[in-house]
């Protein structure tokens, strides 16, 4: 009788397995359930979910805002340009390529409301821009000498151009 409920008998050294003992919860099933649930979640996260996201589309952005056509040499002009993510994927880091020749200097750079940045290798970079979001780039440009210049502005993702490049003709007196 004692043998049937999982208690060892003194005359026998045999023990009944715990899963056969009545009123003892079977521990194997909850463990298998948890392992199965984790496996199902992993399949959903790494196999099924990527099928419904558009990560295969490249980032896309555009720059809008006005650039004055006539400037004075040696005098700084503050530009305020909007950088808009047109794609369905985030852009990180967001960069604005700025070039206009050796006479151009860029200073007082702010991205968004308060993120200061610097010009490095011809680009202002910093931060993350989510899908379909805009951000504002404010900076001061100064041309050191009079002449006719082409100010080139490029929306970039790190060092890669991700949208139409603007070419603004500027006359510096």
Protein backbone atom coordinates (compact mmCIF):
# COMPACT_ATOMS: atom_id res chain seq x y z
CA UNK A 1 0.00 0.00 0.00
CA UNK A 2 2.77 2.46 0.86
CA UNK A 3 4.51 1.57 -2.37
CA UNK A 4 1.63 3.00 -4.40
CA UNK A 5 1.82 6.54 -2.98
CA UNK A 6 5.52 7.14 -3.54
CA UNK A 7 6.91 6.34 -0.09
CA UNK A 8 9.86 4.07 0.21
CA UNK A 9 9.29 0.86 2.06
CA UNK A 10 11.94 -0.34 4.40
CA UNK A 11 12.07 -3.80 2.83
CA UNK A 12 12.45 -2.42 -0.68
CA UNK A 13 15.03 0.15 -1.89
CA UNK A 14 12.89 1.05 -4.89
CA UNK A 15 11.14 4.42 -5.16
CA UNK A 16 8.13 5.25 -7.28
CA UNK A 17 8.81 8.13 -9.74
CA UNK A 18 7.35 11.45 -8.60
CA UNK A 19 5.26 11.88 -11.71
CA UNK A 20 3.38 8.66 -10.87
CA UNK A 21 2.61 9.68 -7.30
CA UNK A 22 -0.98 10.94 -6.90
CA UNK A 23 -1.60 14.51 -5.65
CA UNK A 24 1.95 15.62 -6.59
CA UNK A 25 1.88 18.15 -9.43
CA UNK A 26 3.69 16.94 -12.54
CA UNK A 27 6.62 19.34 -12.94
CA UNK A 28 7.51 18.23 -16.42
CA UNK A 29 4.48 19.77 -18.13
CA UNK A 30 4.88 23.38 -16.84
CA UNK A 31 8.56 23.35 -17.84
CA UNK A 32 7.68 22.09 -21.32
CA UNK A 33 4.93 24.72 -21.56
CA UNK A 34 7.33 27.56 -20.67
CA UNK A 35 9.99 26.28 -23.07
CA UNK A 36 7.38 25.98 -25.82
CA UNK A 37 6.08 29.48 -25.14
CA UNK A 38 9.60 30.96 -25.28
CA UNK A 39 10.26 29.10 -28.53
CA UNK A 40 7.01 30.45 -30.02
CA UNK A 41 7.89 34.02 -28.96
CA UNK A 42 11.35 33.69 -30.49
CA UNK A 43 9.86 32.49 -33.78
CA UNK A 44 7.42 35.41 -33.84
CA UNK A 45 10.12 37.97 -33.01
CA UNK A 46 12.88 36.83 -35.34
CA UNK A 47 11.09 35.12 -38.22
CA UNK A 48 7.50 36.35 -38.54
CA UNK A 49 7.80 40.03 -37.45
CA UNK A 50 10.55 40.94 -39.96
CA UNK A 51 8.26 39.82 -42.78
CA UNK A 52 5.85 42.67 -41.94
CA UNK A 53 8.40 45.46 -41.51
CA UNK A 54 9.80 47.50 -44.37
CA UNK A 55 13.45 47.48 -43.27
CA UNK A 56 14.43 46.61 -46.81
CA UNK A 57 13.49 50.11 -47.99
CA UNK A 58 16.35 52.57 -47.86
CA UNK A 59 16.05 55.75 -45.79
CA UNK A 60 14.78 58.79 -47.64
CA UNK A 61 14.89 62.46 -46.62
CA UNK A 62 14.62 65.96 -48.01
CA UNK A 63 15.74 69.43 -46.98
CA UNK A 64 13.48 72.47 -47.11
CA UNK A 65 13.93 76.09 -46.17
CA UNK A 66 15.20 79.25 -47.80
CA UNK A 67 18.76 80.32 -48.45
CA UNK A 68 19.38 84.01 -49.26
CA UNK A 69 20.71 84.60 -52.77
CA UNK A 70 22.77 87.68 -51.86
CA UNK A 71 25.13 87.86 -48.87
CA UNK A 72 27.85 90.19 -47.62
CA UNK A 73 31.40 88.87 -47.32
CA UNK A 74 32.54 88.35 -43.73
CA UNK A 75 29.04 88.68 -42.29
CA UNK A 76 27.31 85.63 -40.80
CA UNK A 77 23.80 84.61 -41.84
CA UNK A 78 21.75 82.18 -39.82
CA UNK A 79 19.97 79.49 -41.81
CA UNK A 80 17.07 77.45 -40.54
CA UNK A 81 16.50 74.33 -42.63
CA UNK A 82 14.06 71.49 -42.07
CA UNK A 83 15.33 67.94 -42.53
CA UNK A 84 12.36 65.62 -43.06
CA UNK A 85 12.52 61.85 -42.98
CA UNK A 86 10.24 60.73 -45.82
CA UNK A 87 10.85 57.01 -45.34
CA UNK A 88 9.37 54.35 -43.12
CA UNK A 89 12.68 53.60 -41.37
CA UNK A 90 14.61 55.69 -38.88
CA UNK A 91 17.78 57.55 -39.81
CA UNK A 92 20.71 57.44 -37.40
CA UNK A 93 22.79 59.49 -37.34
CA UNK A 94 21.06 62.24 -39.25
CA UNK A 95 23.53 64.35 -41.18
CA UNK A 96 23.33 67.47 -43.31
CA UNK A 97 26.11 67.80 -45.86
CA UNK A 98 27.18 71.44 -46.32
CA UNK A 99 29.69 72.62 -48.89
CA UNK A 100 30.34 75.87 -50.68
CA UNK A 101 34.05 76.11 -51.26
CA UNK A 102 37.03 77.03 -49.10
CA UNK A 103 35.62 80.51 -48.39
CA UNK A 104 32.62 79.07 -46.49
CA UNK A 105 32.66 78.63 -42.73
CA UNK A 106 29.84 77.10 -40.70
CA UNK A 107 29.32 77.88 -37.00
CA UNK A 108 26.71 78.03 -34.20
CA UNK A 109 25.14 74.73 -35.19
CA UNK A 110 22.04 73.44 -33.39
CA UNK A 111 20.02 70.37 -34.34
CA UNK A 112 16.43 70.32 -33.12
CA UNK A 113 15.66 72.35 -30.03
CA UNK A 114 18.88 72.02 -28.12
CA UNK A 115 21.38 69.54 -29.53
CA UNK A 116 24.59 71.40 -30.42
CA UNK A 117 26.69 69.90 -33.18
CA UNK A 118 29.80 70.62 -35.23
CA UNK A 119 30.76 70.42 -38.88
CA UNK A 120 33.06 67.45 -39.47
CA UNK A 121 34.21 66.28 -42.91
CA UNK A 122 31.66 68.54 -44.59
CA UNK A 123 28.64 67.27 -42.64
CA UNK A 124 26.66 68.26 -39.54
CA UNK A 125 25.69 65.04 -37.77
CA UNK A 126 23.86 64.03 -34.64
CA UNK A 127 20.83 62.28 -33.25
CA UNK A 128 18.17 59.95 -34.50
CA UNK A 129 15.17 60.74 -36.67
CA UNK A 130 12.21 58.35 -36.61
CA UNK A 131 10.09 57.45 -39.63
CA UNK A 132 8.17 60.39 -41.14
CA UNK A 133 9.56 62.90 -38.62
CA UNK A 134 11.10 66.33 -39.25
CA UNK A 135 13.95 68.08 -37.43
CA UNK A 136 15.34 71.60 -37.75
CA UNK A 137 18.99 72.44 -38.45
CA UNK A 138 20.03 75.98 -37.46
CA UNK A 139 23.50 77.22 -38.26
CA UNK A 140 25.40 80.31 -39.34
CA UNK A 141 27.20 80.50 -42.68
CA UNK A 142 29.88 83.05 -43.48
CA UNK A 143 31.66 83.53 -46.80
CA UNK A 144 35.06 85.14 -46.31
CA UNK A 145 35.47 86.66 -49.80
CA UNK A 146 33.16 88.15 -52.46
CA UNK A 147 32.21 85.99 -55.43
CA UNK A 148 29.59 83.65 -56.83
CA UNK A 149 29.20 80.41 -54.92
CA UNK A 150 27.07 77.29 -55.00
CA UNK A 151 25.92 76.23 -51.54
CA UNK A 152 25.31 72.48 -51.66
CA UNK A 153 23.05 70.91 -49.02
CA UNK A 154 22.67 67.12 -48.84
CA UNK A 155 20.44 65.02 -46.57
CA UNK A 156 22.62 62.18 -45.35
CA UNK A 157 22.63 59.07 -43.18
CA UNK A 158 26.16 59.06 -41.80
CA UNK A 159 28.19 59.45 -45.01
CA UNK A 160 25.53 58.26 -47.50
CA UNK A 161 23.23 60.71 -49.33
CA UNK A 162 19.57 59.74 -48.77
CA UNK A 163 17.65 62.34 -50.78
CA UNK A 164 17.78 65.09 -53.35
CA UNK A 165 20.81 67.36 -53.11
CA UNK A 166 20.10 71.12 -53.11
CA UNK A 167 22.31 73.52 -55.05
CA UNK A 168 21.64 77.14 -54.05
CA UNK A 169 23.44 79.88 -55.99
CA UNK A 170 24.71 82.62 -53.68
CA UNK A 171 26.25 85.96 -54.69
CA UNK A 172 28.59 87.34 -52.03
CA UNK A 173 29.40 91.08 -52.24
